[in-house]
Amino acid sequence: MVQSDPKLRLPTSDELPDSDGLPVDNELHILVPNLLGLILGFIWGQRFDWFFGVNMGIYHTSGINPRVPIVPDGFLSLGVERIRGNRLRRSYVVWEENGIVPIFALEIVSHTPGSEYDDKMSIYAQLGVLYYVIYNPEFWRRDQQEPFEIYRLVNGSYQRQIGEPFWMPEIGLGIGRGIGSHQGLYREWLYWFDQRGNRILTPEEQAAQVANLESIIARYREHFGDLPENG
């Protein structure tokens, strides 16, 4: 839970800006986290206790000024309302979410370094984000880092975790890289994984599998008639 001065009147979400005014560096900052959110919406469609934000400000009281947000490329919170009061969130305001901070935050490194490995990491640690992922597919050599790094908060400090995909039991999902197609782009993406390390298919892939199966059945019927009944 986030502690705050009870004498301090914190602004409401309607009073806070919903953008930091900074332009998105490239498409990856939108496409990668949106794909993760899309998959969650598909596999957790019947759950209403989670929220996934993309390029959305997180306002919190663990910093110097509660009016200055941290804006991850993507983040996940558990134990919150999927939709608050029938209204979509303009930003994520921790003191309006019963003090629940995101359990997972994602930063994608861009052409212009954005302090993902130092200042932002410190802010997420102070905020109490349990898992912090840095995805750096293009500039990892420049930064002398790895293309994919995941950190877990241990006693207030982030410790680098080993293994990919990496299983996060508190979330019930793993995270890692994989090759696939999204919006017609065939490349490396970040995906969710199950506990056995199997990549969870995207809605696009699920639909393609169904269409392929239906095509196979149609061709079978064309040549051999109806499928035999079980038993």
C-alpha atoms as a PDB file:
ATOM      1  CA  MET A   1       0.000   0.000   0.000  1.00  0.00           C
ATOM      2  CA  VAL A   2       1.193   3.508  -0.799  1.00  0.00           C
ATOM      3  CA  GLN A   3       1.580   5.824   2.162  1.00  0.00           C
ATOM      4  CA  SER A   4       0.646   9.491   1.909  1.00  0.00           C
ATOM      5  CA  ASP A   5       0.282  12.498   4.181  1.00  0.00           C
ATOM      6  CA  PRO A   6      -3.357  12.542   5.375  1.00  0.00           C
ATOM      7  CA  LYS A   7      -3.223  16.354   5.446  1.00  0.00           C
ATOM      8  CA  LEU A   8      -2.330  16.488   1.766  1.00  0.00           C
ATOM      9  CA  ARG A   9      -5.291  16.821  -0.599  1.00  0.00           C
ATOM     10  CA  LEU A  10      -4.451  14.645  -3.536  1.00  0.00           C
ATOM     11  CA  PRO A  11      -5.858  15.617  -6.943  1.00  0.00           C
ATOM     12  CA  THR A  12      -8.479  13.469  -8.618  1.00  0.00           C
ATOM     13  CA  SER A  13      -7.917  11.737 -11.933  1.00  0.00           C
ATOM     14  CA  ASP A  14     -10.032  14.408 -13.636  1.00  0.00           C
ATOM     15  CA  GLU A  15      -7.635  17.080 -12.387  1.00  0.00           C
ATOM     16  CA  LEU A  16      -4.504  15.312 -13.601  1.00  0.00           C
ATOM     17  CA  PRO A  17      -3.140  15.423 -17.171  1.00  0.00           C
ATOM     18  CA  ASP A  18      -3.536  12.168 -19.079  1.00  0.00           C
ATOM     19  CA  SER A  19      -0.335  12.596 -21.108  1.00  0.00           C
ATOM     20  CA  ASP A  20       3.260  13.505 -20.363  1.00  0.00           C
ATOM     21  CA  GLY A  21       3.423  15.419 -23.627  1.00  0.00           C
ATOM     22  CA  LEU A  22       6.294  13.333 -24.973  1.00  0.00           C
ATOM     23  CA  PRO A  23       6.018  11.760 -28.440  1.00  0.00           C
ATOM     24  CA  VAL A  24       6.228   8.008 -28.883  1.00  0.00           C
ATOM     25  CA  ASP A  25       9.647   7.149 -30.320  1.00  0.00           C
ATOM     26  CA  ASN A  26       8.584   4.364 -32.685  1.00  0.00           C
ATOM     27  CA  GLU A  27       5.853   1.839 -33.440  1.00  0.00           C
ATOM     28  CA  LEU A  28       7.244  -0.787 -31.077  1.00  0.00           C
ATOM     29  CA  HIS A  29       6.255   1.355 -28.097  1.00  0.00           C
ATOM     30  CA  ILE A  30       2.635   0.959 -29.166  1.00  0.00           C
ATOM     31  CA  LEU A  31       2.509  -2.409 -30.932  1.00  0.00           C
ATOM     32  CA  VAL A  32       4.395  -4.539 -28.386  1.00  0.00           C
ATOM     33  CA  PRO A  33       2.430  -3.587 -25.246  1.00  0.00           C
ATOM     34  CA  ASN A  34      -0.840  -3.464 -27.187  1.00  0.00           C
ATOM     35  CA  LEU A  35      -0.279  -7.052 -28.296  1.00  0.00           C
ATOM     36  CA  LEU A  36       0.279  -8.135 -24.685  1.00  0.00           C
ATOM     37  CA  GLY A  37      -2.902  -6.343 -23.668  1.00  0.00           C
ATOM     38  CA  LEU A  38      -4.818  -7.884 -26.565  1.00  0.00           C
ATOM     39  CA  ILE A  39      -3.818 -11.396 -25.501  1.00  0.00           C
ATOM     40  CA  LEU A  40      -4.814 -10.691 -21.901  1.00  0.00           C
ATOM     41  CA  GLY A  41      -8.194  -9.460 -23.047  1.00  0.00           C
ATOM     42  CA  PHE A  42      -8.645 -12.744 -24.898  1.00  0.00           C
ATOM     43  CA  ILE A  43      -7.555 -15.159 -22.161  1.00  0.00           C
ATOM     44  CA  TRP A  44      -8.917 -13.123 -19.229  1.00  0.00           C
ATOM     45  CA  GLY A  45     -12.092 -11.979 -20.941  1.00  0.00           C
ATOM     46  CA  GLN A  46     -14.270 -13.303 -18.100  1.00  0.00           C
ATOM     47  CA  ARG A  47     -12.167 -11.703 -15.365  1.00  0.00           C
ATOM     48  CA  PHE A  48     -12.805  -8.194 -14.068  1.00  0.00           C
ATOM     49  CA  ASP A  49     -10.021  -7.890 -11.497  1.00  0.00           C
ATOM     50  CA  TRP A  50      -7.193  -6.624 -13.687  1.00  0.00           C
ATOM     51  CA  PHE A  51      -6.117  -3.658 -15.759  1.00  0.00           C
ATOM     52  CA  PHE A  52      -3.456  -3.362 -18.452  1.00  0.00           C
ATOM     53  CA  GLY A  53      -2.336   0.131 -19.423  1.00  0.00           C
ATOM     54  CA  VAL A  54      -0.332   1.221 -22.466  1.00  0.00           C
ATOM     55  CA  ASN A  55       1.639   4.482 -22.425  1.00  0.00           C
ATOM     56  CA  MET A  56      -0.533   5.669 -19.548  1.00  0.00           C
ATOM     57  CA  GLY A  57       0.616   7.804 -16.671  1.00  0.00           C
ATOM     58  CA  ILE A  58       0.810   6.239 -13.203  1.00  0.00           C
ATOM     59  CA  TYR A  59       0.297   8.842 -10.485  1.00  0.00           C
ATOM     60  CA  HIS A  60       1.635   7.863  -7.081  1.00  0.00           C
ATOM     61  CA  THR A  61       2.695   9.318  -3.754  1.00  0.00           C
ATOM     62  CA  SER A  62       6.028   7.558  -3.415  1.00  0.00           C
ATOM     63  CA  GLY A  63       7.873  10.279  -5.340  1.00  0.00           C
ATOM     64  CA  ILE A  64       8.547  13.952  -4.716  1.00  0.00           C
ATOM     65  CA  ASN A  65       5.396  15.274  -6.412  1.00  0.00           C
ATOM     66  CA  PRO A  66       2.157  13.267  -6.791  1.00  0.00           C
ATOM     67  CA  ARG A  67       1.330  15.343  -9.883  1.00  0.00           C
ATOM     68  CA  VAL A  68       4.344  13.951 -11.759  1.00  0.00           C
ATOM     69  CA  PRO A  69       3.595  10.501 -13.206  1.00  0.00           C
ATOM     70  CA  ILE A  70       5.788   7.663 -14.347  1.00  0.00           C
ATOM     71  CA  VAL A  71       4.710   6.518 -17.818  1.00  0.00           C
ATOM     72  CA  PRO A  72       5.667   2.931 -18.660  1.00  0.00           C
ATOM     73  CA  ASP A  73       5.168   1.526 -22.136  1.00  0.00           C
ATOM     74  CA  GLY A  74       2.926  -1.078 -20.531  1.00  0.00           C
ATOM     75  CA  PHE A  75       1.852  -2.132 -17.053  1.00  0.00           C
ATOM     76  CA  LEU A  76      -0.430  -4.651 -15.369  1.00  0.00           C
ATOM     77  CA  SER A  77      -2.353  -4.288 -12.121  1.00  0.00           C
ATOM     78  CA  LEU A  78      -4.213  -7.088 -10.367  1.00  0.00           C
ATOM     79  CA  GLY A  79      -7.008  -6.789  -7.820  1.00  0.00           C
ATOM     80  CA  VAL A  80      -8.458  -3.637  -9.362  1.00  0.00           C
ATOM     81  CA  GLU A  81     -11.668  -3.040 -11.285  1.00  0.00           C
ATOM     82  CA  ARG A  82     -11.387  -3.711 -14.997  1.00  0.00           C
ATOM     83  CA  ILE A  83     -13.506  -0.617 -15.614  1.00  0.00           C
ATOM     84  CA  ARG A  84     -13.935   1.878 -12.794  1.00  0.00           C
ATOM     85  CA  GLY A  85     -17.472   3.155 -12.397  1.00  0.00           C
ATOM     86  CA  ASN A  86     -18.354   2.426 -16.029  1.00  0.00           C
ATOM     87  CA  ARG A  87     -15.656   4.877 -17.119  1.00  0.00           C
ATOM     88  CA  LEU A  88     -12.435   4.138 -18.946  1.00  0.00           C
ATOM     89  CA  ARG A  89      -9.303   5.350 -17.184  1.00  0.00           C
ATOM     90  CA  ARG A  90      -7.516   8.416 -18.510  1.00  0.00           C
ATOM     91  CA  SER A  91      -4.605   7.607 -16.205  1.00  0.00           C
ATOM     92  CA  TYR A  92      -3.835   5.231 -13.349  1.00  0.00           C
ATOM     93  CA  VAL A  93      -4.080   7.061 -10.043  1.00  0.00           C
ATOM     94  CA  VAL A  94      -2.834   4.828  -7.245  1.00  0.00           C
ATOM     95  CA  TRP A  95      -4.725   6.609  -4.469  1.00  0.00           C
ATOM     96  CA  GLU A  96      -7.966   6.014  -6.409  1.00  0.00           C
ATOM     97  CA  GLU A  97      -7.136   2.298  -6.802  1.00  0.00           C
ATOM     98  CA  ASN A  98      -7.141   1.472  -3.071  1.00  0.00           C
ATOM     99  CA  GLY A  99      -3.373   1.952  -3.059  1.00  0.00           C
ATOM    100  CA  ILE A 100      -2.806  -0.965  -5.444  1.00  0.00           C
ATOM    101  CA  VAL A 101       0.335  -0.424  -7.499  1.00  0.00           C
ATOM    102  CA  PRO A 102       1.056  -2.279 -10.762  1.00  0.00           C
ATOM    103  CA  ILE A 103       2.584  -5.709 -10.330  1.00  0.00           C
ATOM    104  CA  PHE A 104       4.315  -5.577 -13.731  1.00  0.00           C
ATOM    105  CA  ALA A 105       5.862  -2.759 -15.749  1.00  0.00           C
ATOM    106  CA  LEU A 106       7.391  -2.807 -19.229  1.00  0.00           C
ATOM    107  CA  GLU A 107       9.827  -0.359 -20.762  1.00  0.00           C
ATOM    108  CA  ILE A 108      10.963  -0.542 -24.393  1.00  0.00           C
ATOM    109  CA  VAL A 109      14.287   1.154 -25.057  1.00  0.00           C
ATOM    110  CA  SER A 110      14.246   3.658 -27.882  1.00  0.00           C
ATOM    111  CA  HIS A 111      16.769   5.459 -30.077  1.00  0.00           C
ATOM    112  CA  THR A 112      16.979   8.158 -27.421  1.00  0.00           C
ATOM    113  CA  PRO A 113      17.975   6.560 -24.093  1.00  0.00           C
ATOM    114  CA  GLY A 114      15.242   7.064 -21.516  1.00  0.00           C
ATOM    115  CA  SER A 115      16.895   6.064 -18.222  1.00  0.00           C
ATOM    116  CA  GLU A 116      15.282   2.614 -18.283  1.00  0.00           C
ATOM    117  CA  TYR A 117      18.285   1.104 -16.492  1.00  0.00           C
ATOM    118  CA  ASP A 118      18.649   3.709 -13.749  1.00  0.00           C
ATOM    119  CA  ASP A 119      16.150   6.474 -12.926  1.00  0.00           C
ATOM    120  CA  LYS A 120      13.021   4.624 -14.062  1.00  0.00           C
ATOM    121  CA  MET A 121      14.187   1.449 -12.382  1.00  0.00           C
ATOM    122  CA  SER A 122      14.598   3.361  -9.110  1.00  0.00           C
ATOM    123  CA  ILE A 123      11.122   4.864  -9.424  1.00  0.00           C
ATOM    124  CA  TYR A 124       9.493   1.495 -10.070  1.00  0.00           C
ATOM    125  CA  ALA A 125      11.357  -0.011  -7.114  1.00  0.00           C
ATOM    126  CA  GLN A 126      10.270   2.821  -4.838  1.00  0.00           C
ATOM    127  CA  LEU A 127       6.703   2.447  -6.089  1.00  0.00           C
ATOM    128  CA  GLY A 128       6.793  -1.269  -5.345  1.00  0.00           C
ATOM    129  CA  VAL A 129       6.327  -2.781  -8.804  1.00  0.00           C
ATOM    130  CA  LEU A 130       7.153  -6.472  -8.367  1.00  0.00           C
ATOM    131  CA  TYR A 131       8.303  -7.278 -11.918  1.00  0.00           C
ATOM    132  CA  TYR A 132      10.110  -4.895 -14.237  1.00  0.00           C
ATOM    133  CA  VAL A 133      10.856  -5.872 -17.843  1.00  0.00           C
ATOM    134  CA  ILE A 134      13.213  -3.976 -20.139  1.00  0.00           C
ATOM    135  CA  TYR A 135      12.882  -4.884 -23.809  1.00  0.00           C
ATOM    136  CA  ASN A 136      15.773  -3.595 -25.890  1.00  0.00           C
ATOM    137  CA  PRO A 137      15.780  -5.411 -29.258  1.00  0.00           C
ATOM    138  CA  GLU A 138      17.610  -2.716 -31.233  1.00  0.00           C
ATOM    139  CA  PHE A 139      20.008  -0.855 -28.962  1.00  0.00           C
ATOM    140  CA  TRP A 140      21.186  -3.442 -26.438  1.00  0.00           C
ATOM    141  CA  ARG A 141      24.757  -3.406 -27.744  1.00  0.00           C
ATOM    142  CA  ARG A 142      24.872   0.372 -27.475  1.00  0.00           C
ATOM    143  CA  ASP A 143      23.625   0.162 -23.897  1.00  0.00           C
ATOM    144  CA  GLN A 144      25.833  -2.848 -23.051  1.00  0.00           C
ATOM    145  CA  GLN A 145      22.789  -4.765 -21.870  1.00  0.00           C
ATOM    146  CA  GLU A 146      20.758  -7.753 -23.023  1.00  0.00           C
ATOM    147  CA  PRO A 147      17.817  -7.541 -25.471  1.00  0.00           C
ATOM    148  CA  PHE A 148      15.422  -8.896 -22.832  1.00  0.00           C
ATOM    149  CA  GLU A 149      15.874  -8.405 -19.112  1.00  0.00           C
ATOM    150  CA  ILE A 150      13.458  -9.082 -16.285  1.00  0.00           C
ATOM    151  CA  TYR A 151      13.881  -7.954 -12.705  1.00  0.00           C
ATOM    152  CA  ARG A 152      12.066  -8.931  -9.531  1.00  0.00           C
ATOM    153  CA  LEU A 153      11.783  -6.678  -6.508  1.00  0.00           C
ATOM    154  CA  VAL A 154      13.500  -8.296  -3.512  1.00  0.00           C
ATOM    155  CA  ASN A 155      13.734  -6.372  -0.231  1.00  0.00           C
ATOM    156  CA  GLY A 156      13.225  -3.082  -2.024  1.00  0.00           C
ATOM    157  CA  SER A 157      15.818  -3.657  -4.769  1.00  0.00           C
ATOM    158  CA  TYR A 158      15.581  -5.187  -8.220  1.00  0.00           C
ATOM    159  CA  GLN A 159      17.416  -8.429  -8.854  1.00  0.00           C
ATOM    160  CA  ARG A 160      17.961  -9.681 -12.374  1.00  0.00           C
ATOM    161  CA  GLN A 161      16.162 -12.955 -13.054  1.00  0.00           C
ATOM    162  CA  ILE A 162      17.447 -15.776 -15.225  1.00  0.00           C
ATOM    163  CA  GLY A 163      15.444 -17.815 -17.706  1.00  0.00           C
ATOM    164  CA  GLU A 164      13.167 -17.135 -20.640  1.00  0.00           C
ATOM    165  CA  PRO A 165      10.280 -17.348 -20.756  1.00  0.00           C
ATOM    166  CA  PHE A 166      10.221 -16.340 -17.113  1.00  0.00           C
ATOM    167  CA  TRP A 167       7.351 -17.609 -14.993  1.00  0.00           C
ATOM    168  CA  MET A 168       5.680 -15.085 -12.659  1.00  0.00           C
ATOM    169  CA  PRO A 169       3.586 -17.080 -10.161  1.00  0.00           C
ATOM    170  CA  GLU A 170       1.926 -14.012  -8.650  1.00  0.00           C
ATOM    171  CA  ILE A 171       0.492 -13.217 -12.082  1.00  0.00           C
ATOM    172  CA  GLY A 172      -0.033 -16.764 -13.273  1.00  0.00           C
ATOM    173  CA  LEU A 173       1.766 -16.094 -16.551  1.00  0.00           C
ATOM    174  CA  GLY A 174       5.239 -16.152 -17.993  1.00  0.00           C
ATOM    175  CA  ILE A 175       6.809 -13.479 -20.214  1.00  0.00           C
ATOM    176  CA  GLY A 176       9.332 -13.844 -23.014  1.00  0.00           C
ATOM    177  CA  ARG A 177      10.153 -13.344 -26.669  1.00  0.00           C
ATOM    178  CA  GLY A 178       8.880 -15.227 -29.688  1.00  0.00           C
ATOM    179  CA  ILE A 179       8.626 -14.965 -33.456  1.00  0.00           C
ATOM    180  CA  GLY A 180       5.189 -14.402 -34.911  1.00  0.00           C
ATOM    181  CA  SER A 181       2.919 -12.241 -37.019  1.00  0.00           C
ATOM    182  CA  HIS A 182       0.875  -9.322 -35.729  1.00  0.00           C
ATOM    183  CA  GLN A 183      -0.979  -6.849 -37.938  1.00  0.00           C
ATOM    184  CA  GLY A 184       0.858  -8.311 -40.918  1.00  0.00           C
ATOM    185  CA  LEU A 185       4.295  -7.798 -39.370  1.00  0.00           C
ATOM    186  CA  TYR A 186       6.360 -10.976 -38.988  1.00  0.00           C
ATOM    187  CA  ARG A 187       9.041 -10.341 -36.390  1.00  0.00           C
ATOM    188  CA  GLU A 188      10.026 -10.848 -32.776  1.00  0.00           C
ATOM    189  CA  TRP A 189       7.386  -9.902 -30.204  1.00  0.00           C
ATOM    190  CA  LEU A 190       6.871 -10.205 -26.482  1.00  0.00           C
ATOM    191  CA  TYR A 191       4.335 -12.866 -25.542  1.00  0.00           C
ATOM    192  CA  TRP A 192       2.724 -14.405 -22.480  1.00  0.00           C
ATOM    193  CA  PHE A 193       3.519 -18.053 -21.719  1.00  0.00           C
ATOM    194  CA  ASP A 194       1.892 -20.744 -19.601  1.00  0.00           C
ATOM    195  CA  GLN A 195       3.623 -22.512 -16.710  1.00  0.00           C
ATOM    196  CA  ARG A 196       4.988 -25.214 -19.019  1.00  0.00           C
ATOM    197  CA  GLY A 197       6.681 -22.626 -21.197  1.00  0.00           C
ATOM    198  CA  ASN A 198       4.164 -22.813 -24.037  1.00  0.00           C
ATOM    199  CA  ARG A 199       3.489 -19.550 -25.804  1.00  0.00           C
ATOM    200  CA  ILE A 200      -0.106 -18.394 -25.523  1.00  0.00           C
ATOM    201  CA  LEU A 201      -1.533 -17.797 -28.974  1.00  0.00           C
ATOM    202  CA  THR A 202      -2.796 -14.397 -30.022  1.00  0.00           C
ATOM    203  CA  PRO A 203      -6.428 -13.906 -31.073  1.00  0.00           C
ATOM    204  CA  GLU A 204      -5.169 -13.648 -34.677  1.00  0.00           C
ATOM    205  CA  GLU A 205      -3.440 -17.011 -34.386  1.00  0.00           C
ATOM    206  CA  GLN A 206      -6.447 -18.613 -32.723  1.00  0.00           C
ATOM    207  CA  ALA A 207      -8.688 -17.383 -35.533  1.00  0.00           C
ATOM    208  CA  ALA A 208      -6.225 -18.655 -38.152  1.00  0.00           C
ATOM    209  CA  GLN A 209      -6.185 -22.098 -36.505  1.00  0.00           C
ATOM    210  CA  VAL A 210      -9.992 -22.258 -36.538  1.00  0.00           C
ATOM    211  CA  ALA A 211     -10.124 -21.134 -40.173  1.00  0.00           C
ATOM    212  CA  ASN A 212      -7.528 -23.732 -41.135  1.00  0.00           C
ATOM    213  CA  LEU A 213      -9.446 -26.492 -39.328  1.00  0.00           C
ATOM    214  CA  GLU A 214     -12.683 -25.456 -41.010  1.00  0.00           C
ATOM    215  CA  SER A 215     -10.935 -25.525 -44.391  1.00  0.00           C
ATOM    216  CA  ILE A 216      -9.625 -29.056 -43.721  1.00  0.00           C
ATOM    217  CA  ILE A 217     -13.099 -30.251 -42.698  1.00  0.00           C
ATOM    218  CA  ALA A 218     -14.660 -28.666 -45.784  1.00  0.00           C
ATOM    219  CA  ARG A 219     -12.161 -30.399 -48.080  1.00  0.00           C
ATOM    220  CA  TYR A 220     -12.749 -33.733 -46.322  1.00  0.00           C
ATOM    221  CA  ARG A 221     -16.503 -33.435 -46.770  1.00  0.00           C
ATOM    222  CA  GLU A 222     -16.051 -32.506 -50.406  1.00  0.00           C
ATOM    223  CA  HIS A 223     -14.206 -35.762 -51.076  1.00  0.00           C
ATOM    224  CA  PHE A 224     -15.542 -38.209 -48.496  1.00  0.00           C
ATOM    225  CA  GLY A 225     -18.838 -36.845 -47.187  1.00  0.00           C
ATOM    226  CA  ASP A 226     -19.700 -36.063 -43.580  1.00  0.00           C
ATOM    227  CA  LEU A 227     -17.242 -36.823 -40.807  1.00  0.00           C
ATOM    228  CA  PRO A 228     -17.893 -40.099 -38.932  1.00  0.00           C
ATOM    229  CA  GLU A 229     -19.651 -39.747 -35.593  1.00  0.00           C
ATOM    230  CA  ASN A 230     -17.729 -40.617 -32.429  1.00  0.00           C
ATOM    231  CA  GLY A 231     -18.236 -44.120 -31.194  1.00  0.00           C
END
